[in-house]
């Protein structure tokens, strides 16, 4: 099944990446524009949210790919994606306190 990947699979993964990139860009742009007119921590928080969206986009992409692999009954790549997702989530949980 992995040799004959459906176009819908690629389209779904590309859509996740596209939505993540555009939403990150617009949130960070809003923080930048807000920083030109407003002083304080609010523009910084908006920009930080944009960075968090940028970091979350690949994780969501792996989640979508894992779901789609299992739905296509391509268990080899489904388990690989699930392992990668576990590594990403464990790394982000243990990396939170590292400042």
N, C-alpha and C. Protein backbone atom coordinates (compact mmCIF):
# COMPACT_ATOMS: atom_id res chain seq x y z
N UNK A 1 0.82 -1.19 0.00
CA UNK A 1 0.00 0.00 0.00
C UNK A 1 0.87 1.26 0.00
N UNK A 2 2.06 1.19 0.63
CA UNK A 2 2.89 2.38 0.71
C UNK A 2 3.44 2.80 -0.65
N UNK A 3 3.50 1.89 -1.61
CA UNK A 3 4.00 2.24 -2.93
C UNK A 3 2.98 3.02 -3.74
N UNK A 4 1.71 2.81 -3.47
CA UNK A 4 0.64 3.46 -4.22
C UNK A 4 -0.10 4.46 -3.33
N UNK A 5 0.58 5.51 -2.95
CA UNK A 5 0.01 6.50 -2.04
C UNK A 5 -1.10 7.27 -2.75
N UNK A 6 -2.19 7.43 -2.07
CA UNK A 6 -3.34 8.14 -2.63
C UNK A 6 -3.05 9.64 -2.70
N UNK A 7 -3.54 10.32 -3.72
CA UNK A 7 -3.36 11.78 -3.78
C UNK A 7 -4.04 12.50 -2.62
N UNK A 8 -5.12 11.91 -2.09
CA UNK A 8 -5.80 12.53 -0.96
C UNK A 8 -4.89 12.58 0.27
N UNK A 9 -4.05 11.56 0.42
CA UNK A 9 -3.11 11.53 1.54
C UNK A 9 -2.17 12.72 1.46
N UNK A 10 -1.56 12.91 0.31
CA UNK A 10 -0.62 14.02 0.13
C UNK A 10 -1.32 15.37 0.25
N UNK A 11 -2.54 15.43 -0.25
CA UNK A 11 -3.31 16.67 -0.17
C UNK A 11 -3.62 17.03 1.28
N UNK A 12 -3.98 16.03 2.09
CA UNK A 12 -4.31 16.28 3.49
C UNK A 12 -3.09 16.75 4.27
N UNK A 13 -1.96 16.10 4.04
CA UNK A 13 -0.73 16.49 4.74
C UNK A 13 -0.29 17.89 4.30
N UNK A 14 -0.38 18.17 3.01
CA UNK A 14 -0.01 19.50 2.51
C UNK A 14 -0.93 20.57 3.07
N UNK A 15 -2.22 20.25 3.23
CA UNK A 15 -3.17 21.21 3.78
C UNK A 15 -2.82 21.55 5.23
N UNK A 16 -2.44 20.55 6.01
CA UNK A 16 -2.05 20.79 7.40
C UNK A 16 -0.84 21.72 7.45
N UNK A 17 0.15 21.45 6.63
CA UNK A 17 1.34 22.30 6.62
C UNK A 17 1.04 23.71 6.12
N UNK A 18 0.18 23.81 5.12
CA UNK A 18 -0.17 25.13 4.59
C UNK A 18 -0.94 25.95 5.62
N UNK A 19 -1.92 25.33 6.27
CA UNK A 19 -2.70 26.04 7.30
C UNK A 19 -1.81 26.46 8.45
N UNK A 20 -0.91 25.57 8.87
CA UNK A 20 0.00 25.90 9.96
C UNK A 20 0.92 27.05 9.62
N UNK A 21 1.47 27.03 8.42
CA UNK A 21 2.40 28.09 8.02
C UNK A 21 1.70 29.43 7.89
N UNK A 22 0.53 29.44 7.24
CA UNK A 22 -0.18 30.71 7.09
C UNK A 22 -0.69 31.26 8.41
N UNK A 23 -1.21 30.38 9.27
CA UNK A 23 -1.72 30.87 10.56
C UNK A 23 -0.57 31.40 11.41
N UNK A 24 0.56 30.72 11.39
CA UNK A 24 1.73 31.20 12.12
C UNK A 24 2.17 32.56 11.60
N UNK A 25 2.23 32.70 10.29
CA UNK A 25 2.65 33.97 9.69
C UNK A 25 1.71 35.11 10.09
N UNK A 26 0.41 34.87 9.99
CA UNK A 26 -0.54 35.95 10.28
C UNK A 26 -0.59 36.30 11.77
N UNK A 27 -0.43 35.32 12.64
CA UNK A 27 -0.40 35.61 14.07
C UNK A 27 0.85 36.41 14.42
N UNK A 28 1.99 36.02 13.86
CA UNK A 28 3.22 36.76 14.14
C UNK A 28 3.18 38.17 13.53
N UNK A 29 2.57 38.29 12.37
CA UNK A 29 2.41 39.61 11.76
C UNK A 29 1.50 40.49 12.61
N UNK A 30 0.44 39.89 13.14
CA UNK A 30 -0.46 40.66 14.02
C UNK A 30 0.28 41.13 15.27
N UNK A 31 1.14 40.28 15.82
CA UNK A 31 1.92 40.68 16.98
C UNK A 31 2.90 41.79 16.65
N UNK A 32 3.49 41.72 15.46
CA UNK A 32 4.43 42.76 15.04
C UNK A 32 3.72 44.09 14.83
N UNK A 33 2.58 44.05 14.16
CA UNK A 33 1.82 45.29 13.93
C UNK A 33 1.30 45.84 15.25
N UNK A 34 0.84 44.95 16.13
CA UNK A 34 0.36 45.39 17.44
C UNK A 34 1.50 46.02 18.24
N UNK A 35 2.71 45.50 18.08
CA UNK A 35 3.86 46.05 18.79
C UNK A 35 4.23 47.45 18.34
N UNK A 36 3.85 47.80 17.12
CA UNK A 36 4.13 49.16 16.64
C UNK A 36 3.23 50.20 17.30
N UNK A 37 2.04 49.78 17.72
CA UNK A 37 1.06 50.73 18.25
C UNK A 37 0.78 50.58 19.74
N UNK A 38 1.10 49.44 20.32
CA UNK A 38 0.78 49.16 21.71
C UNK A 38 2.07 48.81 22.44
N UNK A 39 2.24 49.37 23.62
CA UNK A 39 3.39 48.99 24.43
C UNK A 39 2.95 47.99 25.48
N UNK A 40 3.87 47.22 25.94
CA UNK A 40 3.56 46.23 26.97
C UNK A 40 3.88 44.83 26.51
N UNK A 41 3.31 43.87 27.23
CA UNK A 41 3.63 42.47 26.96
C UNK A 41 2.68 41.80 25.98
N UNK A 42 1.58 42.43 25.64
CA UNK A 42 0.59 41.78 24.77
C UNK A 42 1.16 41.48 23.38
N UNK A 43 1.87 42.41 22.72
CA UNK A 43 2.44 42.06 21.41
C UNK A 43 3.44 40.90 21.50
N UNK A 44 4.21 40.86 22.58
CA UNK A 44 5.16 39.78 22.76
C UNK A 44 4.44 38.44 22.94
N UNK A 45 3.34 38.46 23.65
CA UNK A 45 2.57 37.23 23.83
C UNK A 45 1.96 36.75 22.51
N UNK A 46 1.52 37.68 21.70
CA UNK A 46 0.96 37.32 20.40
C UNK A 46 2.04 36.70 19.51
N UNK A 47 3.22 37.30 19.50
CA UNK A 47 4.31 36.75 18.71
C UNK A 47 4.75 35.39 19.25
N UNK A 48 4.75 35.22 20.56
CA UNK A 48 5.09 33.94 21.16
C UNK A 48 4.07 32.86 20.76
N UNK A 49 2.81 33.25 20.66
CA UNK A 49 1.78 32.32 20.20
C UNK A 49 2.05 31.89 18.76
N UNK A 50 2.50 32.82 17.93
CA UNK A 50 2.86 32.48 16.55
C UNK A 50 4.00 31.49 16.48
N UNK A 51 4.99 31.66 17.35
CA UNK A 51 6.11 30.72 17.39
C UNK A 51 5.64 29.35 17.85
N UNK A 52 4.75 29.31 18.84
CA UNK A 52 4.21 28.03 19.30
C UNK A 52 3.41 27.35 18.20
N UNK A 53 2.68 28.12 17.41
CA UNK A 53 1.99 27.54 16.25
C UNK A 53 2.98 26.95 15.25
N UNK A 54 4.09 27.66 15.06
CA UNK A 54 5.11 27.17 14.14
C UNK A 54 5.70 25.85 14.64
N UNK A 55 5.90 25.75 15.93
CA UNK A 55 6.45 24.52 16.49
C UNK A 55 5.43 23.38 16.51
N UNK A 56 4.15 23.71 16.62
CA UNK A 56 3.11 22.68 16.68
C UNK A 56 2.75 22.13 15.30
N UNK A 57 3.05 22.86 14.26
CA UNK A 57 2.67 22.42 12.91
C UNK A 57 3.26 21.06 12.53
N UNK A 58 4.55 20.80 12.73
CA UNK A 58 5.07 19.47 12.37
C UNK A 58 4.46 18.35 13.23
N UNK A 59 4.16 18.65 14.48
CA UNK A 59 3.55 17.63 15.35
C UNK A 59 2.16 17.27 14.84
N UNK A 60 1.39 18.27 14.45
CA UNK A 60 0.06 18.01 13.91
C UNK A 60 0.18 17.26 12.58
N UNK A 61 1.19 17.57 11.79
CA UNK A 61 1.41 16.87 10.53
C UNK A 61 1.68 15.38 10.78
N UNK A 62 2.48 15.07 11.79
CA UNK A 62 2.77 13.68 12.10
C UNK A 62 1.51 12.99 12.61
N UNK A 63 0.69 13.69 13.39
CA UNK A 63 -0.56 13.11 13.88
C UNK A 63 -1.49 12.77 12.71
N UNK A 64 -1.61 13.68 11.76
CA UNK A 64 -2.47 13.45 10.60
C UNK A 64 -1.92 12.30 9.75
N UNK A 65 -0.61 12.27 9.54
CA UNK A 65 -0.02 11.19 8.76
C UNK A 65 -0.22 9.84 9.46
N UNK A 66 -0.06 9.80 10.77
CA UNK A 66 -0.27 8.57 11.53
C UNK A 66 -1.70 8.08 11.37
N UNK A 67 -2.66 8.97 11.52
CA UNK A 67 -4.07 8.61 11.36
C UNK A 67 -4.34 8.09 9.95
N UNK A 68 -3.80 8.77 8.94
CA UNK A 68 -4.05 8.37 7.56
C UNK A 68 -3.37 7.04 7.22
N UNK A 69 -2.18 6.82 7.75
CA UNK A 69 -1.51 5.53 7.53
C UNK A 69 -2.34 4.39 8.10
N UNK A 70 -2.81 4.56 9.33
CA UNK A 70 -3.62 3.49 9.93
C UNK A 70 -4.95 3.31 9.19
N UNK A 71 -5.52 4.41 8.70
CA UNK A 71 -6.78 4.31 7.97
C UNK A 71 -6.59 3.56 6.65
N UNK A 72 -5.42 3.72 6.03
CA UNK A 72 -5.12 3.01 4.79
C UNK A 72 -4.62 1.59 5.04
N UNK A 73 -4.55 1.20 6.31
CA UNK A 73 -4.05 -0.11 6.71
C UNK A 73 -2.59 -0.32 6.33
N UNK A 74 -1.83 0.77 6.32
CA UNK A 74 -0.39 0.73 6.09
C UNK A 74 0.26 0.78 7.47
N UNK A 75 0.26 -0.39 8.14
CA UNK A 75 0.62 -0.46 9.55
C UNK A 75 2.10 -0.17 9.80
N UNK A 76 2.95 -0.52 8.87
CA UNK A 76 4.38 -0.28 9.06
C UNK A 76 4.65 1.21 9.26
N UNK A 77 4.17 2.02 8.34
CA UNK A 77 4.40 3.46 8.45
C UNK A 77 3.52 4.09 9.53
N UNK A 78 2.39 3.49 9.83
CA UNK A 78 1.55 3.97 10.92
C UNK A 78 2.27 3.85 12.25
N UNK A 79 2.91 2.70 12.50
CA UNK A 79 3.64 2.52 13.75
C UNK A 79 4.89 3.39 13.80
N UNK A 80 5.54 3.58 12.66
CA UNK A 80 6.69 4.49 12.62
C UNK A 80 6.24 5.91 12.97
N UNK A 81 5.12 6.35 12.40
CA UNK A 81 4.61 7.69 12.69
C UNK A 81 4.21 7.82 14.15
N UNK A 82 3.60 6.78 14.70
CA UNK A 82 3.21 6.80 16.10
C UNK A 82 4.44 6.86 17.01
N UNK A 83 5.50 6.13 16.65
CA UNK A 83 6.75 6.21 17.41
C UNK A 83 7.35 7.59 17.35
N UNK A 84 7.35 8.20 16.16
CA UNK A 84 7.87 9.55 16.01
C UNK A 84 7.04 10.55 16.80
N UNK A 85 5.73 10.38 16.78
CA UNK A 85 4.85 11.27 17.55
C UNK A 85 5.14 11.14 19.05
N UNK A 86 5.36 9.93 19.51
CA UNK A 86 5.70 9.72 20.92
C UNK A 86 7.01 10.41 21.27
N UNK A 87 8.01 10.29 20.41
CA UNK A 87 9.30 10.94 20.65
C UNK A 87 9.12 12.46 20.70
N UNK A 88 8.35 13.01 19.77
CA UNK A 88 8.12 14.46 19.75
C UNK A 88 7.41 14.94 21.01
N UNK A 89 6.38 14.21 21.43
CA UNK A 89 5.63 14.63 22.61
C UNK A 89 6.44 14.48 23.89
N UNK A 90 7.17 13.38 24.03
CA UNK A 90 8.02 13.20 25.22
C UNK A 90 9.11 14.26 25.25
N UNK A 91 9.69 14.55 24.09
CA UNK A 91 10.72 15.59 24.04
C UNK A 91 10.19 16.96 24.40
N UNK A 92 8.97 17.25 23.98
CA UNK A 92 8.42 18.57 24.32
C UNK A 92 8.01 18.65 25.78
N UNK A 93 7.55 17.55 26.36
CA UNK A 93 7.18 17.56 27.78
C UNK A 93 8.43 17.72 28.65
N UNK A 94 9.48 16.97 28.35
CA UNK A 94 10.68 17.06 29.16
C UNK A 94 11.50 18.31 28.83
N UNK A 95 11.27 18.92 27.71
CA UNK A 95 12.00 20.12 27.35
C UNK A 95 11.36 21.41 27.84
N UNK A 96 10.17 21.32 28.46
CA UNK A 96 9.47 22.52 28.92
C UNK A 96 10.23 23.25 30.02
N UNK A 97 10.85 22.53 30.91
CA UNK A 97 11.55 23.16 32.03
C UNK A 97 12.93 23.65 31.71
N UNK A 98 13.39 23.44 30.50
CA UNK A 98 14.74 23.81 30.11
C UNK A 98 14.76 25.26 29.62
N UNK A 99 14.97 26.17 30.49
CA UNK A 99 15.08 27.59 30.09
C UNK A 99 16.47 28.06 30.36
